[in-house]
C-alpha atoms as a PDB file:
ATOM      1  CA  MET A   1      -8.324  84.826  98.977  1.00  0.00           C
ATOM      2  CA  SER A   2     -11.729  83.318  98.944  1.00  0.00           C
ATOM      3  CA  ALA A   3     -13.202  86.878  99.966  1.00  0.00           C
ATOM      4  CA  LEU A   4     -12.177  88.132  96.379  1.00  0.00           C
ATOM      5  CA  ASP A   5     -13.244  84.776  94.485  1.00  0.00           C
ATOM      6  CA  GLY A   6     -16.381  85.801  92.260  1.00  0.00           C
ATOM      7  CA  THR A   7     -15.574  89.713  92.318  1.00  0.00           C
ATOM      8  CA  GLU A   8     -14.828  91.580  89.092  1.00  0.00           C
ATOM      9  CA  LEU A   9     -11.123  91.280  90.108  1.00  0.00           C
ATOM     10  CA  VAL A  10     -10.960  87.668  89.113  1.00  0.00           C
ATOM     11  CA  GLY A  11     -11.512  88.339  85.038  1.00  0.00           C
ATOM     12  CA  GLY A  12      -9.255  91.794  85.061  1.00  0.00           C
ATOM     13  CA  ARG A  13      -6.108  91.003  83.049  1.00  0.00           C
ATOM     14  CA  ILE A  14      -3.775  91.977  85.784  1.00  0.00           C
ATOM     15  CA  THR A  15      -6.101  91.316  88.613  1.00  0.00           C
ATOM     16  CA  GLY A  16      -6.408  87.910  87.776  1.00  0.00           C
ATOM     17  CA  HIS A  17      -3.095  87.381  88.151  1.00  0.00           C
ATOM     18  CA  LEU A  18      -3.341  89.218  91.504  1.00  0.00           C
ATOM     19  CA  LEU A  19      -5.330  86.766  92.467  1.00  0.00           C
ATOM     20  CA  GLN A  20      -3.586  83.523  91.416  1.00  0.00           C
ATOM     21  CA  LEU A  21      -0.255  85.074  92.904  1.00  0.00           C
ATOM     22  CA  GLY A  22      -2.067  85.726  96.300  1.00  0.00           C
ATOM     23  CA  ASP A  23      -3.897  81.857  96.346  1.00  0.00           C
ATOM     24  CA  ALA A  24       0.160  80.567  94.935  1.00  0.00           C
ATOM     25  CA  GLY A  25       1.356  82.189  97.995  1.00  0.00           C
ATOM     26  CA  LEU A  26      -1.400  81.312 100.697  1.00  0.00           C
ATOM     27  CA  LEU A  27      -1.038  77.499  99.727  1.00  0.00           C
ATOM     28  CA  LEU A  28       3.137  78.203 100.328  1.00  0.00           C
ATOM     29  CA  PHE A  29       2.689  79.582 103.727  1.00  0.00           C
ATOM     30  CA  ILE A  30       0.404  76.477 104.577  1.00  0.00           C
ATOM     31  CA  LEU A  31       3.222  74.413 103.292  1.00  0.00           C
ATOM     32  CA  SER A  32       6.133  76.776 104.935  1.00  0.00           C
ATOM     33  CA  LEU A  33       4.172  76.396 108.512  1.00  0.00           C
ATOM     34  CA  LEU A  34       3.948  72.473 107.625  1.00  0.00           C
ATOM     35  CA  LEU A  35       7.502  71.820 107.191  1.00  0.00           C
ATOM     36  CA  MET A  36       8.758  74.364 109.762  1.00  0.00           C
ATOM     37  CA  ARG A  37       9.553  71.844 112.151  1.00  0.00           C
ATOM     38  CA  TRP A  38      11.194  69.340 110.198  1.00  0.00           C
ATOM     39  CA  LEU A  39      12.551  70.767 107.141  1.00  0.00           C
ATOM     40  CA  PRO A  40      13.364  74.642 108.758  1.00  0.00           C
ATOM     41  CA  ARG A  41      15.530  75.719 105.417  1.00  0.00           C
ATOM     42  CA  VAL A  42      12.899  74.478 103.137  1.00  0.00           C
ATOM     43  CA  SER A  43      10.139  76.571 105.387  1.00  0.00           C
ATOM     44  CA  ALA A  44      11.823  79.559 105.377  1.00  0.00           C
ATOM     45  CA  ALA A  45      12.913  79.785 101.315  1.00  0.00           C
ATOM     46  CA  SER A  46       8.871  79.131 101.134  1.00  0.00           C
ATOM     47  CA  ALA A  47       7.888  81.579 103.032  1.00  0.00           C
ATOM     48  CA  VAL A  48      10.405  84.108 101.378  1.00  0.00           C
ATOM     49  CA  ALA A  49       8.532  83.350  98.159  1.00  0.00           C
ATOM     50  CA  ALA A  50       5.134  83.182  99.812  1.00  0.00           C
ATOM     51  CA  SER A  51       5.811  86.739 101.014  1.00  0.00           C
ATOM     52  CA  LEU A  52       6.856  88.104  97.474  1.00  0.00           C
ATOM     53  CA  LEU A  53       3.916  86.513  95.940  1.00  0.00           C
ATOM     54  CA  VAL A  54       1.269  87.709  97.849  1.00  0.00           C
ATOM     55  CA  SER A  55       2.535  91.572  98.652  1.00  0.00           C
ATOM     56  CA  PRO A  56       1.548  92.742  94.996  1.00  0.00           C
ATOM     57  CA  LEU A  57      -2.275  91.890  95.596  1.00  0.00           C
ATOM     58  CA  PHE A  58      -2.033  93.255  99.416  1.00  0.00           C
ATOM     59  CA  LEU A  59      -0.338  96.462  97.790  1.00  0.00           C
ATOM     60  CA  TYR A  60      -3.028  96.849  95.204  1.00  0.00           C
ATOM     61  CA  LEU A  61      -5.555  96.646  97.587  1.00  0.00           C
ATOM     62  CA  VAL A  62      -4.458  99.454  99.767  1.00  0.00           C
ATOM     63  CA  ALA A  63      -2.716 101.311  96.883  1.00  0.00           C
ATOM     64  CA  PRO A  64      -5.015 101.317  94.093  1.00  0.00           C
ATOM     65  CA  GLY A  65      -3.651 104.708  92.668  1.00  0.00           C
ATOM     66  CA  PRO A  66       0.032 103.973  92.833  1.00  0.00           C
ATOM     67  CA  PHE A  67      -0.715 100.492  91.740  1.00  0.00           C
ATOM     68  CA  ARG A  68      -1.817 102.223  88.600  1.00  0.00           C
ATOM     69  CA  HIS A  69       0.699 104.057  87.634  1.00  0.00           C
ATOM     70  CA  VAL A  70       2.933 101.360  87.669  1.00  0.00           C
ATOM     71  CA  PHE A  71       0.851  98.593  85.771  1.00  0.00           C
ATOM     72  CA  ARG A  72      -0.657 101.200  82.822  1.00  0.00           C
ATOM     73  CA  GLY A  73      -3.857  99.663  81.303  1.00  0.00           C
ATOM     74  CA  GLU A  74      -7.666  99.884  81.125  1.00  0.00           C
ATOM     75  CA  TRP A  75      -9.060  99.640  84.256  1.00  0.00           C
ATOM     76  CA  ALA A  76     -12.894  98.789  84.652  1.00  0.00           C
ATOM     77  CA  VAL A  77     -13.305 100.496  87.634  1.00  0.00           C
ATOM     78  CA  HIS A  78     -12.861 104.214  88.476  1.00  0.00           C
ATOM     79  CA  LEU A  79     -10.066 105.019  91.032  1.00  0.00           C
ATOM     80  CA  ASN A  80     -12.394 106.857  93.797  1.00  0.00           C
ATOM     81  CA  SER A  81      -8.917 107.271  95.771  1.00  0.00           C
ATOM     82  CA  SER A  82      -5.384 106.358  95.479  1.00  0.00           C
ATOM     83  CA  PHE A  83      -5.131 104.747  98.934  1.00  0.00           C
ATOM     84  CA  VAL A  84      -7.486 103.016 100.416  1.00  0.00           C
ATOM     85  CA  TRP A  85      -7.933 101.512 104.527  1.00  0.00           C
ATOM     86  CA  ASN A  86      -8.281  97.871 104.623  1.00  0.00           C
ATOM     87  CA  THR A  87      -7.437  96.376 107.582  1.00  0.00           C
ATOM     88  CA  TRP A  88      -7.100  92.628 106.359  1.00  0.00           C
ATOM     89  CA  ALA A  89      -4.651  93.591 103.670  1.00  0.00           C
ATOM     90  CA  VAL A  90      -3.011  95.946 106.259  1.00  0.00           C
ATOM     91  CA  PHE A  91      -2.882  92.586 108.411  1.00  0.00           C
ATOM     92  CA  GLY A  92      -1.611  90.896 105.305  1.00  0.00           C
ATOM     93  CA  ILE A  93       1.221  93.379 104.732  1.00  0.00           C
ATOM     94  CA  VAL A  94       2.227  92.739 108.350  1.00  0.00           C
ATOM     95  CA  ALA A  95       1.997  88.606 108.369  1.00  0.00           C
ATOM     96  CA  ALA A  96       4.295  89.313 105.023  1.00  0.00           C
ATOM     97  CA  LEU A  97       6.784  91.531 105.979  1.00  0.00           C
ATOM     98  CA  THR A  98       7.091  89.776 109.418  1.00  0.00           C
ATOM     99  CA  ALA A  99       7.445  86.439 107.806  1.00  0.00           C
ATOM    100  CA  LEU A 100      10.090  87.537 105.276  1.00  0.00           C
ATOM    101  CA  PHE A 101      12.012  89.398 107.832  1.00  0.00           C
ATOM    102  CA  ALA A 102      11.776  85.836 109.873  1.00  0.00           C
ATOM    103  CA  SER A 103      13.210  83.889 106.920  1.00  0.00           C
ATOM    104  CA  VAL A 104      15.946  86.484 106.176  1.00  0.00           C
ATOM    105  CA  ARG A 105      16.829  86.448 109.556  1.00  0.00           C
ATOM    106  CA  TYR A 106      17.177  82.410 110.019  1.00  0.00           C
ATOM    107  CA  PHE A 107      18.925  82.103 106.994  1.00  0.00           C
ATOM    108  CA  TYR A 108      21.690  85.007 108.480  1.00  0.00           C
ATOM    109  CA  ALA A 109      21.750  83.215 111.534  1.00  0.00           C
ATOM    110  CA  MET A 110      22.333  79.390 109.589  1.00  0.00           C
ATOM    111  CA  ARG A 111      25.161  81.469 107.466  1.00  0.00           C
ATOM    112  CA  HIS A 112      26.689  82.936 111.064  1.00  0.00           C
ATOM    113  CA  HIS A 113      26.634  79.719 112.571  1.00  0.00           C
ATOM    114  CA  ASP A 114      28.044  77.390 109.795  1.00  0.00           C
ATOM    115  CA  TYR A 115      30.912  79.813 109.357  1.00  0.00           C
ATOM    116  CA  SER A 116      31.415  80.402 113.379  1.00  0.00           C
ATOM    117  CA  GLN A 117      32.540  76.588 113.525  1.00  0.00           C
END
């Protein structure tokens, strides 16, 4: 998220909060990786929260048109296209969805395992 620091997104009423959510999500992903070995349930919960926190920023970077349609307001930058190809944001969306899927699958497996014994 540091690549966006210092840009006009930081000062925006909506985009500033998106960057803060992205930073918080990144810290939770790091925490999740650190806790994975010793506290897998906490790690999975952290990964779910992190995925949900970073998703709005990535979606804004890839689909600013629909994002602006949902979150009305005064935007400083003119909209050139409804969808923009941003390789890092698309990679971030895929990574967040993968972490979310793996974490939910872990919770499902643990619940199923607990009930079967």
